[in-house]
PDB file of N, CA and C in Angstrom:
ATOM      1  N   MET A   1     159.557  39.211   5.079  1.00  0.00           N
ATOM      2  CA  MET A   1     158.143  39.418   5.680  1.00  0.00           C
ATOM      3  C   MET A   1     156.533  38.358   5.283  1.00  0.00           C
ATOM      4  N   LYS A   2     157.002  38.382   3.412  1.00  0.00           N
ATOM      5  CA  LYS A   2     156.697  37.510   2.861  1.00  0.00           C
ATOM      6  C   LYS A   2     156.942  36.500   2.675  1.00  0.00           C
ATOM      7  N   ILE A   3     157.803  35.872   3.356  1.00  0.00           N
ATOM      8  CA  ILE A   3     157.471  34.359   3.923  1.00  0.00           C
ATOM      9  C   ILE A   3     157.002  34.258   4.839  1.00  0.00           C
ATOM     10  N   LYS A   4     157.762  34.989   5.847  1.00  0.00           N
ATOM     11  CA  LYS A   4     156.640  34.725   7.045  1.00  0.00           C
ATOM     12  C   LYS A   4     155.403  34.775   6.780  1.00  0.00           C
ATOM     13  N   ASN A   5     154.710  35.534   6.088  1.00  0.00           N
ATOM     14  CA  ASN A   5     152.665  34.744   5.796  1.00  0.00           C
ATOM     15  C   ASN A   5     152.423  34.101   5.249  1.00  0.00           C
ATOM     16  N   LEU A   6     153.030  33.243   4.131  1.00  0.00           N
ATOM     17  CA  LEU A   6     153.305  32.643   3.414  1.00  0.00           C
ATOM     18  C   LEU A   6     153.055  30.817   4.408  1.00  0.00           C
ATOM     19  N   LEU A   7     154.371  31.328   5.544  1.00  0.00           N
ATOM     20  CA  LEU A   7     154.462  29.649   6.143  1.00  0.00           C
ATOM     21  C   LEU A   7     153.728  30.387   7.135  1.00  0.00           C
ATOM     22  N   LYS A   8     152.980  30.993   7.549  1.00  0.00           N
ATOM     23  CA  LYS A   8     151.942  31.196   8.681  1.00  0.00           C
ATOM     24  C   LYS A   8     150.149  30.943   8.216  1.00  0.00           C
ATOM     25  N   LYS A   9     150.692  31.102   6.707  1.00  0.00           N
ATOM     26  CA  LYS A   9     149.295  30.378   6.284  1.00  0.00           C
ATOM     27  C   LYS A   9     149.271  28.627   5.881  1.00  0.00           C
ATOM     28  N   VAL A  10     150.269  28.194   5.574  1.00  0.00           N
ATOM     29  CA  VAL A  10     150.609  27.043   5.553  1.00  0.00           C
ATOM     30  C   VAL A  10     150.293  26.095   6.659  1.00  0.00           C
ATOM     31  N   LYS A  11     151.416  27.111   7.705  1.00  0.00           N
ATOM     32  CA  LYS A  11     150.282  25.927   8.606  1.00  0.00           C
ATOM     33  C   LYS A  11     149.615  25.944   9.272  1.00  0.00           C
ATOM     34  N   GLU A  12     149.011  27.069   8.398  1.00  0.00           N
ATOM     35  CA  GLU A  12     146.761  26.889   9.402  1.00  0.00           C
ATOM     36  C   GLU A  12     146.074  25.800   8.289  1.00  0.00           C
ATOM     37  N   LYS A  13     146.406  25.454   6.873  1.00  0.00           N
ATOM     38  CA  LYS A  13     146.272  24.763   6.223  1.00  0.00           C
ATOM     39  C   LYS A  13     146.367  23.404   6.467  1.00  0.00           C
ATOM     40  N   ALA A  14     147.920  23.254   7.096  1.00  0.00           N
ATOM     41  CA  ALA A  14     148.185  22.402   7.522  1.00  0.00           C
ATOM     42  C   ALA A  14     147.294  21.232   8.842  1.00  0.00           C
ATOM     43  N   TRP A  15     147.247  22.393   9.547  1.00  0.00           N
ATOM     44  CA  TRP A  15     145.957  22.357  10.844  1.00  0.00           C
ATOM     45  C   TRP A  15     144.326  21.715  10.550  1.00  0.00           C
ATOM     46  N   ALA A  16     144.269  21.472   9.491  1.00  0.00           N
ATOM     47  CA  ALA A  16     142.779  22.287   9.291  1.00  0.00           C
ATOM     48  C   ALA A  16     142.386  20.779   8.833  1.00  0.00           C
ATOM     49  N   VAL A  17     143.748  20.487   7.947  1.00  0.00           N
ATOM     50  CA  VAL A  17     143.273  19.402   7.155  1.00  0.00           C
ATOM     51  C   VAL A  17     143.556  18.280   7.818  1.00  0.00           C
ATOM     52  N   ILE A  18     145.219  18.435   8.761  1.00  0.00           N
ATOM     53  CA  ILE A  18     144.815  17.307  10.374  1.00  0.00           C
ATOM     54  C   ILE A  18     143.606  16.874  11.353  1.00  0.00           C
ATOM     55  N   LEU A  19     143.286  18.849  11.997  1.00  0.00           N
ATOM     56  CA  LEU A  19     141.554  18.530  11.566  1.00  0.00           C
ATOM     57  C   LEU A  19     140.821  17.859  11.622  1.00  0.00           C
ATOM     58  N   THR A  20     141.224  17.745   9.783  1.00  0.00           N
ATOM     59  CA  THR A  20     139.846  16.697   9.742  1.00  0.00           C
ATOM     60  C   THR A  20     139.674  15.928   9.546  1.00  0.00           C
ATOM     61  N   LEU A  21     141.359  14.925   8.525  1.00  0.00           N
ATOM     62  CA  LEU A  21     140.985  13.901   9.066  1.00  0.00           C
ATOM     63  C   LEU A  21     141.021  13.353  10.531  1.00  0.00           C
ATOM     64  N   TYR A  22     141.275  13.794  11.536  1.00  0.00           N
ATOM     65  CA  TYR A  22     140.611  13.440  13.248  1.00  0.00           C
ATOM     66  C   TYR A  22     139.759  12.964  13.018  1.00  0.00           C
ATOM     67  N   ALA A  23     138.775  14.141  12.549  1.00  0.00           N
ATOM     68  CA  ALA A  23     137.056  14.564  12.790  1.00  0.00           C
ATOM     69  C   ALA A  23     136.672  12.939  12.230  1.00  0.00           C
ATOM     70  N   LEU A  24     136.928  12.745  10.406  1.00  0.00           N
ATOM     71  CA  LEU A  24     137.148  11.714   9.875  1.00  0.00           C
ATOM     72  C   LEU A  24     136.827  10.313  10.518  1.00  0.00           C
ATOM     73  N   PHE A  25     138.150  10.236  11.034  1.00  0.00           N
ATOM     74  CA  PHE A  25     138.667   8.977  11.691  1.00  0.00           C
ATOM     75  C   PHE A  25     138.174   8.650  12.516  1.00  0.00           C
ATOM     76  N   MET A  26     137.934  10.376  13.552  1.00  0.00           N
ATOM     77  CA  MET A  26     137.141   9.671  15.089  1.00  0.00           C
ATOM     78  C   MET A  26     135.545   9.152  15.138  1.00  0.00           C
ATOM     79  N   SER A  27     135.524   9.428  13.901  1.00  0.00           N
ATOM     80  CA  SER A  27     133.463  10.265  13.517  1.00  0.00           C
ATOM     81  C   SER A  27     133.454   8.417  13.234  1.00  0.00           C
ATOM     82  N   SER A  28     134.043   7.131  13.021  1.00  0.00           N
ATOM     83  CA  SER A  28     133.515   5.515  12.871  1.00  0.00           C
ATOM     84  C   SER A  28     133.402   4.916  13.936  1.00  0.00           C
ATOM     85  N   TYR A  29     133.399   5.824  14.942  1.00  0.00           N
ATOM     86  CA  TYR A  29     133.970   4.791  15.827  1.00  0.00           C
ATOM     87  C   TYR A  29     132.330   4.985  16.569  1.00  0.00           C
ATOM     88  N   THR A  30     131.493   3.890  16.943  1.00  0.00           N
ATOM     89  CA  THR A  30     130.793   4.535  18.161  1.00  0.00           C
ATOM     90  C   THR A  30     130.804   3.977  19.380  1.00  0.00           C
ATOM     91  N   VAL A  31     130.922   4.601  20.399  1.00  0.00           N
ATOM     92  CA  VAL A  31     130.831   4.354  21.647  1.00  0.00           C
ATOM     93  C   VAL A  31     129.048   4.880  22.655  1.00  0.00           C
ATOM     94  N   TYR A  32     129.888   3.678  23.355  1.00  0.00           N
ATOM     95  CA  TYR A  32     128.399   3.249  24.638  1.00  0.00           C
ATOM     96  C   TYR A  32     128.489   3.565  25.334  1.00  0.00           C
ATOM     97  N   ALA A  33     127.771   4.138  26.354  1.00  0.00           N
ATOM     98  CA  ALA A  33     127.316   4.503  27.677  1.00  0.00           C
ATOM     99  C   ALA A  33     127.848   2.387  28.784  1.00  0.00           C
ATOM    100  N   ASP A  34     128.885   2.403  29.918  1.00  0.00           N
ATOM    101  CA  ASP A  34     128.150   1.129  29.840  1.00  0.00           C
ATOM    102  C   ASP A  34     126.566   0.993  30.909  1.00  0.00           C
ATOM    103  N   ASP A  35     126.829   0.020  30.527  1.00  0.00           N
ATOM    104  CA  ASP A  35     124.811  -0.120  31.539  1.00  0.00           C
ATOM    105  C   ASP A  35     124.784   0.423  32.817  1.00  0.00           C
ATOM    106  N   ASN A  36     125.847  -0.104  33.474  1.00  0.00           N
ATOM    107  CA  ASN A  36     125.643   0.526  35.535  1.00  0.00           C
ATOM    108  C   ASN A  36     125.715   1.800  34.608  1.00  0.00           C
ATOM    109  N   VAL A  37     126.140   2.924  34.298  1.00  0.00           N
ATOM    110  CA  VAL A  37     125.992   4.134  33.461  1.00  0.00           C
ATOM    111  C   VAL A  37     125.082   4.073  33.587  1.00  0.00           C
ATOM    112  N   GLN A  38     125.134   3.999  33.317  1.00  0.00           N
ATOM    113  CA  GLN A  38     122.749   4.275  31.455  1.00  0.00           C
ATOM    114  C   GLN A  38     121.978   4.659  32.273  1.00  0.00           C
ATOM    115  N   ASN A  39     121.202   2.811  33.373  1.00  0.00           N
ATOM    116  CA  ASN A  39     121.362   2.198  34.987  1.00  0.00           C
ATOM    117  C   ASN A  39     120.747   3.257  35.484  1.00  0.00           C
ATOM    118  N   SER A  40     121.421   4.520  36.199  1.00  0.00           N
ATOM    119  CA  SER A  40     122.165   4.616  37.393  1.00  0.00           C
ATOM    120  C   SER A  40     121.303   5.546  37.803  1.00  0.00           C
ATOM    121  N   LYS A  41     120.420   5.402  39.229  1.00  0.00           N
ATOM    122  CA  LYS A  41     119.774   6.379  39.269  1.00  0.00           C
ATOM    123  C   LYS A  41     120.402   7.751  40.202  1.00  0.00           C
ATOM    124  N   LEU A  42     122.067   8.207  39.352  1.00  0.00           N
ATOM    125  CA  LEU A  42     121.293   8.804  39.107  1.00  0.00           C
ATOM    126  C   LEU A  42     121.292   9.219  37.793  1.00  0.00           C
ATOM    127  N   VAL A  43     121.320   8.973  36.808  1.00  0.00           N
ATOM    128  CA  VAL A  43     121.334   9.713  35.559  1.00  0.00           C
ATOM    129  C   VAL A  43     120.207  10.029  35.560  1.00  0.00           C
ATOM    130  N   LYS A  44     119.186   9.024  35.858  1.00  0.00           N
ATOM    131  CA  LYS A  44     117.899   9.431  35.690  1.00  0.00           C
ATOM    132  C   LYS A  44     116.711  10.152  36.768  1.00  0.00           C
ATOM    133  N   GLY A  45     117.559  10.247  37.625  1.00  0.00           N
ATOM    134  CA  GLY A  45     116.726  11.612  38.234  1.00  0.00           C
ATOM    135  C   GLY A  45     117.482  12.384  37.630  1.00  0.00           C
ATOM    136  N   THR A  46     118.633  12.324  37.437  1.00  0.00           N
ATOM    137  CA  THR A  46     118.683  14.318  36.642  1.00  0.00           C
ATOM    138  C   THR A  46     118.000  14.296  35.830  1.00  0.00           C
ATOM    139  N   GLU A  47     117.821  13.472  35.185  1.00  0.00           N
ATOM    140  CA  GLU A  47     116.882  13.297  33.531  1.00  0.00           C
ATOM    141  C   GLU A  47     115.475  13.902  33.342  1.00  0.00           C
ATOM    142  N   LYS A  48     115.092  13.513  35.241  1.00  0.00           N
ATOM    143  CA  LYS A  48     114.040  12.874  35.268  1.00  0.00           C
ATOM    144  C   LYS A  48     113.354  14.747  36.664  1.00  0.00           C
ATOM    145  N   LEU A  49     114.536  15.173  36.730  1.00  0.00           N
ATOM    146  CA  LEU A  49     114.762  16.491  37.765  1.00  0.00           C
ATOM    147  C   LEU A  49     115.026  17.707  36.345  1.00  0.00           C
ATOM    148  N   ILE A  50     115.842  17.327  35.071  1.00  0.00           N
ATOM    149  CA  ILE A  50     115.786  18.387  33.996  1.00  0.00           C
ATOM    150  C   ILE A  50     114.577  18.485  33.575  1.00  0.00           C
ATOM    151  N   ASN A  51     113.855  17.258  32.755  1.00  0.00           N
ATOM    152  CA  ASN A  51     112.296  17.415  32.619  1.00  0.00           C
ATOM    153  C   ASN A  51     111.331  18.058  33.519  1.00  0.00           C
ATOM    154  N   ASP A  52     111.606  18.222  34.149  1.00  0.00           N
ATOM    155  CA  ASP A  52     110.446  18.321  35.922  1.00  0.00           C
ATOM    156  C   ASP A  52     110.556  20.065  35.572  1.00  0.00           C
ATOM    157  N   ILE A  53     111.838  20.461  35.498  1.00  0.00           N
ATOM    158  CA  ILE A  53     112.311  21.545  35.574  1.00  0.00           C
ATOM    159  C   ILE A  53     111.794  22.079  34.565  1.00  0.00           C
ATOM    160  N   THR A  54     112.134  22.266  33.328  1.00  0.00           N
ATOM    161  CA  THR A  54     111.483  22.536  31.824  1.00  0.00           C
ATOM    162  C   THR A  54     110.520  22.785  32.308  1.00  0.00           C
ATOM    163  N   THR A  55     109.761  21.538  32.380  1.00  0.00           N
ATOM    164  CA  THR A  55     108.047  21.554  32.793  1.00  0.00           C
ATOM    165  C   THR A  55     107.560  22.940  33.212  1.00  0.00           C
ATOM    166  N   TRP A  56     108.394  22.736  34.351  1.00  0.00           N
ATOM    167  CA  TRP A  56     107.599  23.348  34.730  1.00  0.00           C
ATOM    168  C   TRP A  56     108.256  25.480  34.682  1.00  0.00           C
ATOM    169  N   LEU A  57     109.523  24.895  34.057  1.00  0.00           N
ATOM    170  CA  LEU A  57     109.373  26.867  34.216  1.00  0.00           C
ATOM    171  C   LEU A  57     108.992  27.215  32.692  1.00  0.00           C
ATOM    172  N   MET A  58     107.781  26.564  31.608  1.00  0.00           N
ATOM    173  CA  MET A  58     107.116  26.709  31.098  1.00  0.00           C
ATOM    174  C   MET A  58     106.159  26.970  31.180  1.00  0.00           C
ATOM    175  N   ILE A  59     106.034  26.887  32.716  1.00  0.00           N
ATOM    176  CA  ILE A  59     104.899  27.369  33.097  1.00  0.00           C
ATOM    177  C   ILE A  59     104.580  29.027  33.692  1.00  0.00           C
ATOM    178  N   PHE A  60     105.615  28.472  34.482  1.00  0.00           N
ATOM    179  CA  PHE A  60     105.834  29.860  34.936  1.00  0.00           C
ATOM    180  C   PHE A  60     106.662  30.878  34.559  1.00  0.00           C
ATOM    181  N   ALA A  61     107.265  30.498  33.179  1.00  0.00           N
ATOM    182  CA  ALA A  61     107.837  32.249  32.858  1.00  0.00           C
ATOM    183  C   ALA A  61     106.589  32.953  32.016  1.00  0.00           C
ATOM    184  N   PRO A  62     106.499  32.372  31.776  1.00  0.00           N
ATOM    185  CA  PRO A  62     104.924  33.371  31.428  1.00  0.00           C
ATOM    186  C   PRO A  62     103.820  33.709  32.465  1.00  0.00           C
ATOM    187  N   VAL A  63     103.427  33.050  33.999  1.00  0.00           N
ATOM    188  CA  VAL A  63     103.067  33.892  34.803  1.00  0.00           C
ATOM    189  C   VAL A  63     104.568  35.289  34.920  1.00  0.00           C
ATOM    190  N   VAL A  64     105.336  35.239  35.186  1.00  0.00           N
ATOM    191  CA  VAL A  64     105.559  35.937  35.506  1.00  0.00           C
ATOM    192  C   VAL A  64     105.510  37.071  35.108  1.00  0.00           C
ATOM    193  N   ALA A  65     106.057  36.926  34.077  1.00  0.00           N
ATOM    194  CA  ALA A  65     105.836  37.631  32.843  1.00  0.00           C
ATOM    195  C   ALA A  65     104.825  38.532  32.608  1.00  0.00           C
ATOM    196  N   GLY A  66     103.751  37.998  32.722  1.00  0.00           N
ATOM    197  CA  GLY A  66     102.302  38.628  32.621  1.00  0.00           C
ATOM    198  C   GLY A  66     102.383  39.595  34.138  1.00  0.00           C
ATOM    199  N   VAL A  67     102.462  38.989  35.337  1.00  0.00           N
ATOM    200  CA  VAL A  67     102.313  39.870  36.280  1.00  0.00           C
ATOM    201  C   VAL A  67     103.354  40.922  36.655  1.00  0.00           C
ATOM    202  N   LEU A  68     104.754  41.290  36.263  1.00  0.00           N
ATOM    203  CA  LEU A  68     105.679  42.126  35.784  1.00  0.00           C
ATOM    204  C   LEU A  68     104.636  42.954  34.275  1.00  0.00           C
ATOM    205  N   ILE A  69     104.833  42.797  33.294  1.00  0.00           N
ATOM    206  CA  ILE A  69     104.088  43.555  32.510  1.00  0.00           C
ATOM    207  C   ILE A  69     102.491  43.931  33.049  1.00  0.00           C
ATOM    208  N   ILE A  70     102.178  43.687  33.375  1.00  0.00           N
ATOM    209  CA  ILE A  70     100.649  43.960  34.112  1.00  0.00           C
ATOM    210  C   ILE A  70     100.709  45.414  35.846  1.00  0.00           C
ATOM    211  N   TYR A  71     101.936  45.298  36.427  1.00  0.00           N
ATOM    212  CA  TYR A  71     102.670  46.263  36.567  1.00  0.00           C
ATOM    213  C   TYR A  71     104.136  46.827  36.007  1.00  0.00           C
ATOM    214  N   PHE A  72     104.582  46.643  35.666  1.00  0.00           N
ATOM    215  CA  PHE A  72     105.157  47.327  34.151  1.00  0.00           C
ATOM    216  C   PHE A  72     104.094  49.228  33.898  1.00  0.00           C
ATOM    217  N   PHE A  73     102.834  48.084  32.931  1.00  0.00           N
ATOM    218  CA  PHE A  73     101.742  49.532  32.691  1.00  0.00           C
ATOM    219  C   PHE A  73     101.603  49.739  33.550  1.00  0.00           C
ATOM    220  N   ILE A  74     101.023  49.742  34.726  1.00  0.00           N
ATOM    221  CA  ILE A  74     100.759  50.190  36.153  1.00  0.00           C
ATOM    222  C   ILE A  74     101.903  52.028  36.183  1.00  0.00           C
ATOM    223  N   ARG A  75     102.390  51.120  36.336  1.00  0.00           N
ATOM    224  CA  ARG A  75     103.785  51.387  36.907  1.00  0.00           C
ATOM    225  C   ARG A  75     104.251  52.880  35.963  1.00  0.00           C
ATOM    226  N   ARG A  76     103.778  52.537  33.941  1.00  0.00           N
ATOM    227  CA  ARG A  76     103.810  53.828  33.353  1.00  0.00           C
ATOM    228  C   ARG A  76     102.958  55.028  33.076  1.00  0.00           C
ATOM    229  N   SER A  77     102.058  54.118  33.468  1.00  0.00           N
ATOM    230  CA  SER A  77     101.119  54.577  33.079  1.00  0.00           C
ATOM    231  C   SER A  77     100.743  56.497  34.335  1.00  0.00           C
ATOM    232  N   ALA A  78     100.804  56.166  35.624  1.00  0.00           N
ATOM    233  CA  ALA A  78     101.864  57.226  36.569  1.00  0.00           C
ATOM    234  C   ALA A  78     103.101  57.796  36.168  1.00  0.00           C
ATOM    235  N   ALA A  79     103.578  57.177  35.367  1.00  0.00           N
ATOM    236  CA  ALA A  79     104.408  58.337  34.567  1.00  0.00           C
ATOM    237  C   ALA A  79     104.866  59.281  34.068  1.00  0.00           C
ATOM    238  N   ASP A  80     105.902  60.506  34.008  1.00  0.00           N
ATOM    239  CA  ASP A  80     105.371  61.306  33.077  1.00  0.00           C
ATOM    240  C   ASP A  80     106.312  60.845  31.912  1.00  0.00           C
ATOM    241  N   ASP A  81     106.335  62.039  30.665  1.00  0.00           N
ATOM    242  CA  ASP A  81     107.213  61.296  29.504  1.00  0.00           C
ATOM    243  C   ASP A  81     108.410  60.440  29.359  1.00  0.00           C
ATOM    244  N   MET A  82     109.917  61.067  30.262  1.00  0.00           N
ATOM    245  CA  MET A  82     110.689  61.175  30.164  1.00  0.00           C
ATOM    246  C   MET A  82     110.359  59.379  30.716  1.00  0.00           C
ATOM    247  N   ASP A  83     109.967  58.660  31.295  1.00  0.00           N
ATOM    248  CA  ASP A  83     110.324  57.481  32.999  1.00  0.00           C
ATOM    249  C   ASP A  83     109.124  57.054  32.112  1.00  0.00           C
ATOM    250  N   GLN A  84     107.787  57.010  31.258  1.00  0.00           N
ATOM    251  CA  GLN A  84     107.436  56.111  30.469  1.00  0.00           C
ATOM    252  C   GLN A  84     107.922  55.612  29.250  1.00  0.00           C
ATOM    253  N   LYS A  85     109.685  56.028  28.716  1.00  0.00           N
ATOM    254  CA  LYS A  85     110.027  55.242  27.351  1.00  0.00           C
ATOM    255  C   LYS A  85     110.905  54.250  28.801  1.00  0.00           C
ATOM    256  N   LYS A  86     111.886  54.101  29.298  1.00  0.00           N
ATOM    257  CA  LYS A  86     111.961  53.547  30.349  1.00  0.00           C
ATOM    258  C   LYS A  86     110.972  51.707  30.738  1.00  0.00           C
ATOM    259  N   TRP A  87     110.110  52.556  31.625  1.00  0.00           N
ATOM    260  CA  TRP A  87     109.003  51.448  31.564  1.00  0.00           C
ATOM    261  C   TRP A  87     108.676  50.871  30.262  1.00  0.00           C
ATOM    262  N   ASN A  88     108.266  51.972  29.096  1.00  0.00           N
ATOM    263  CA  ASN A  88     107.696  50.825  27.849  1.00  0.00           C
ATOM    264  C   ASN A  88     109.521  49.302  27.334  1.00  0.00           C
ATOM    265  N   ASN A  89     110.393  50.068  28.495  1.00  0.00           N
ATOM    266  CA  ASN A  89     111.812  49.139  27.379  1.00  0.00           C
ATOM    267  C   ASN A  89     111.505  47.940  28.683  1.00  0.00           C
ATOM    268  N   ARG A  90     111.152  48.016  29.408  1.00  0.00           N
ATOM    269  CA  ARG A  90     110.979  47.271  30.982  1.00  0.00           C
ATOM    270  C   ARG A  90     110.282  46.107  30.093  1.00  0.00           C
ATOM    271  N   ILE A  91     108.755  47.004  29.397  1.00  0.00           N
ATOM    272  CA  ILE A  91     108.032  45.933  28.711  1.00  0.00           C
ATOM    273  C   ILE A  91     108.665  44.830  28.496  1.00  0.00           C
ATOM    274  N   VAL A  92     109.109  46.044  27.088  1.00  0.00           N
ATOM    275  CA  VAL A  92     109.446  45.081  26.271  1.00  0.00           C
ATOM    276  C   VAL A  92     110.498  43.668  25.796  1.00  0.00           C
ATOM    277  N   VAL A  93     111.149  43.921  26.872  1.00  0.00           N
ATOM    278  CA  VAL A  93     112.285  43.261  28.450  1.00  0.00           C
ATOM    279  C   VAL A  93     111.591  41.873  28.540  1.00  0.00           C
ATOM    280  N   ALA A  94     110.320  42.637  29.088  1.00  0.00           N
ATOM    281  CA  ALA A  94     109.987  41.499  29.626  1.00  0.00           C
ATOM    282  C   ALA A  94     109.705  40.340  29.342  1.00  0.00           C
ATOM    283  N   ILE A  95     108.430  40.511  27.479  1.00  0.00           N
ATOM    284  CA  ILE A  95     108.467  40.846  26.940  1.00  0.00           C
ATOM    285  C   ILE A  95     109.133  39.022  26.027  1.00  0.00           C
ATOM    286  N   VAL A  96     110.398  39.894  26.128  1.00  0.00           N
ATOM    287  CA  VAL A  96     111.582  38.988  25.299  1.00  0.00           C
ATOM    288  C   VAL A  96     112.042  37.460  26.087  1.00  0.00           C
ATOM    289  N   SER A  97     111.711  38.554  27.251  1.00  0.00           N
ATOM    290  CA  SER A  97     113.062  37.271  28.574  1.00  0.00           C
ATOM    291  C   SER A  97     111.572  36.623  28.311  1.00  0.00           C
ATOM    292  N   CYS A  98     110.506  36.553  28.463  1.00  0.00           N
ATOM    293  CA  CYS A  98     109.738  35.631  29.397  1.00  0.00           C
ATOM    294  C   CYS A  98     109.511  34.635  27.172  1.00  0.00           C
ATOM    295  N   ILE A  99     109.856  34.910  26.212  1.00  0.00           N
ATOM    296  CA  ILE A  99     109.692  34.305  25.523  1.00  0.00           C
ATOM    297  C   ILE A  99     111.315  33.231  24.827  1.00  0.00           C
ATOM    298  N   GLY A 100     112.663  34.251  25.587  1.00  0.00           N
ATOM    299  CA  GLY A 100     113.378  33.440  25.849  1.00  0.00           C
ATOM    300  C   GLY A 100     113.605  32.181  26.313  1.00  0.00           C
ATOM    301  N   ALA A 101     113.281  32.596  27.672  1.00  0.00           N
ATOM    302  CA  ALA A 101     112.965  31.316  29.029  1.00  0.00           C
ATOM    303  C   ALA A 101     112.385  30.021  28.498  1.00  0.00           C
ATOM    304  N   VAL A 102     110.653  30.614  27.719  1.00  0.00           N
ATOM    305  CA  VAL A 102     110.141  29.522  27.415  1.00  0.00           C
ATOM    306  C   VAL A 102     110.655  29.024  25.999  1.00  0.00           C
ATOM    307  N   ILE A 103     111.459  29.073  25.506  1.00  0.00           N
ATOM    308  CA  ILE A 103     112.204  29.076  23.678  1.00  0.00           C
ATOM    309  C   ILE A 103     113.136  27.557  24.275  1.00  0.00           C
ATOM    310  N   ALA A 104     114.110  28.604  25.608  1.00  0.00           N
ATOM    311  CA  ALA A 104     115.047  27.658  25.832  1.00  0.00           C
ATOM    312  C   ALA A 104     115.090  26.438  27.358  1.00  0.00           C
ATOM    313  N   SER A 105     113.733  26.335  27.367  1.00  0.00           N
ATOM    314  CA  SER A 105     113.375  25.014  28.366  1.00  0.00           C
ATOM    315  C   SER A 105     112.367  23.618  27.449  1.00  0.00           C
ATOM    316  N   ALA A 106     111.742  24.640  26.495  1.00  0.00           N
ATOM    317  CA  ALA A 106     111.088  23.798  25.491  1.00  0.00           C
ATOM    318  C   ALA A 106     112.314  23.345  24.655  1.00  0.00           C
ATOM    319  N   THR A 107     113.282  24.405  24.365  1.00  0.00           N
ATOM    320  CA  THR A 107     113.979  22.817  23.973  1.00  0.00           C
ATOM    321  C   THR A 107     115.048  22.101  24.020  1.00  0.00           C
ATOM    322  N   LEU A 108     115.529  22.905  25.380  1.00  0.00           N
ATOM    323  CA  LEU A 108     116.822  21.370  26.348  1.00  0.00           C
ATOM    324  C   LEU A 108     115.129  20.343  26.903  1.00  0.00           C
ATOM    325  N   ASN A 109     114.170  20.988  27.169  1.00  0.00           N
ATOM    326  CA  ASN A 109     113.258  19.217  27.476  1.00  0.00           C
ATOM    327  C   ASN A 109     113.092  18.513  25.826  1.00  0.00           C
ATOM    328  N   LEU A 110     112.996  19.585  25.039  1.00  0.00           N
ATOM    329  CA  LEU A 110     113.190  17.848  24.161  1.00  0.00           C
ATOM    330  C   LEU A 110     114.003  17.446  23.026  1.00  0.00           C
ATOM    331  N   ILE A 111     115.798  18.722  23.969  1.00  0.00           N
ATOM    332  CA  ILE A 111     117.161  17.255  23.767  1.00  0.00           C
ATOM    333  C   ILE A 111     116.979  16.029  24.769  1.00  0.00           C
ATOM    334  N   ILE A 112     116.187  16.805  26.212  1.00  0.00           N
ATOM    335  CA  ILE A 112     116.203  15.586  26.982  1.00  0.00           C
ATOM    336  C   ILE A 112     115.420  14.035  26.901  1.00  0.00           C
ATOM    337  N   GLY A 113     113.885  14.791  25.830  1.00  0.00           N
ATOM    338  CA  GLY A 113     113.808  14.204  25.883  1.00  0.00           C
ATOM    339  C   GLY A 113     113.740  12.887  24.591  1.00  0.00           C
ATOM    340  N   TYR A 114     114.920  13.354  24.259  1.00  0.00           N
ATOM    341  CA  TYR A 114     115.098  11.960  22.548  1.00  0.00           C
ATOM    342  C   TYR A 114     116.661  10.506  24.473  1.00  0.00           C
ATOM    343  N   TYR A 115     116.735  11.572  25.055  1.00  0.00           N
ATOM    344  CA  TYR A 115     117.352  10.386  25.980  1.00  0.00           C
ATOM    345  C   TYR A 115     116.772   9.191  26.665  1.00  0.00           C
ATOM    346  N   LYS A 116     115.314   9.118  26.779  1.00  0.00           N
ATOM    347  CA  LYS A 116     114.523   8.414  27.079  1.00  0.00           C
ATOM    348  C   LYS A 116     114.205   7.312  26.910  1.00  0.00           C
TER     349      LYS A 116
END
């Protein structure tokens, strides 16, 4: 049993060393996209599409979240004590989802901006 555990640890260490050496070796190579691919209509159009979608999402997500939050507040005001907890949870989920959507779209927009 001890030999089996020892062989397992040696195998794991060997793979770690091999993968580290491979990563170091491969990181020394620079790879460039072919000029035809880089300037193709498909690549340029995809970049513009992602940029437009993320920009609209940063505008659209807070508007939709605001409308939903107003609706949830109205429904909460007409609910009993048990249902008010559910509506409070929905309000929190709407706020967190709005923040997440705006952060995700801003991050994606920032990343795409580096490829222009």
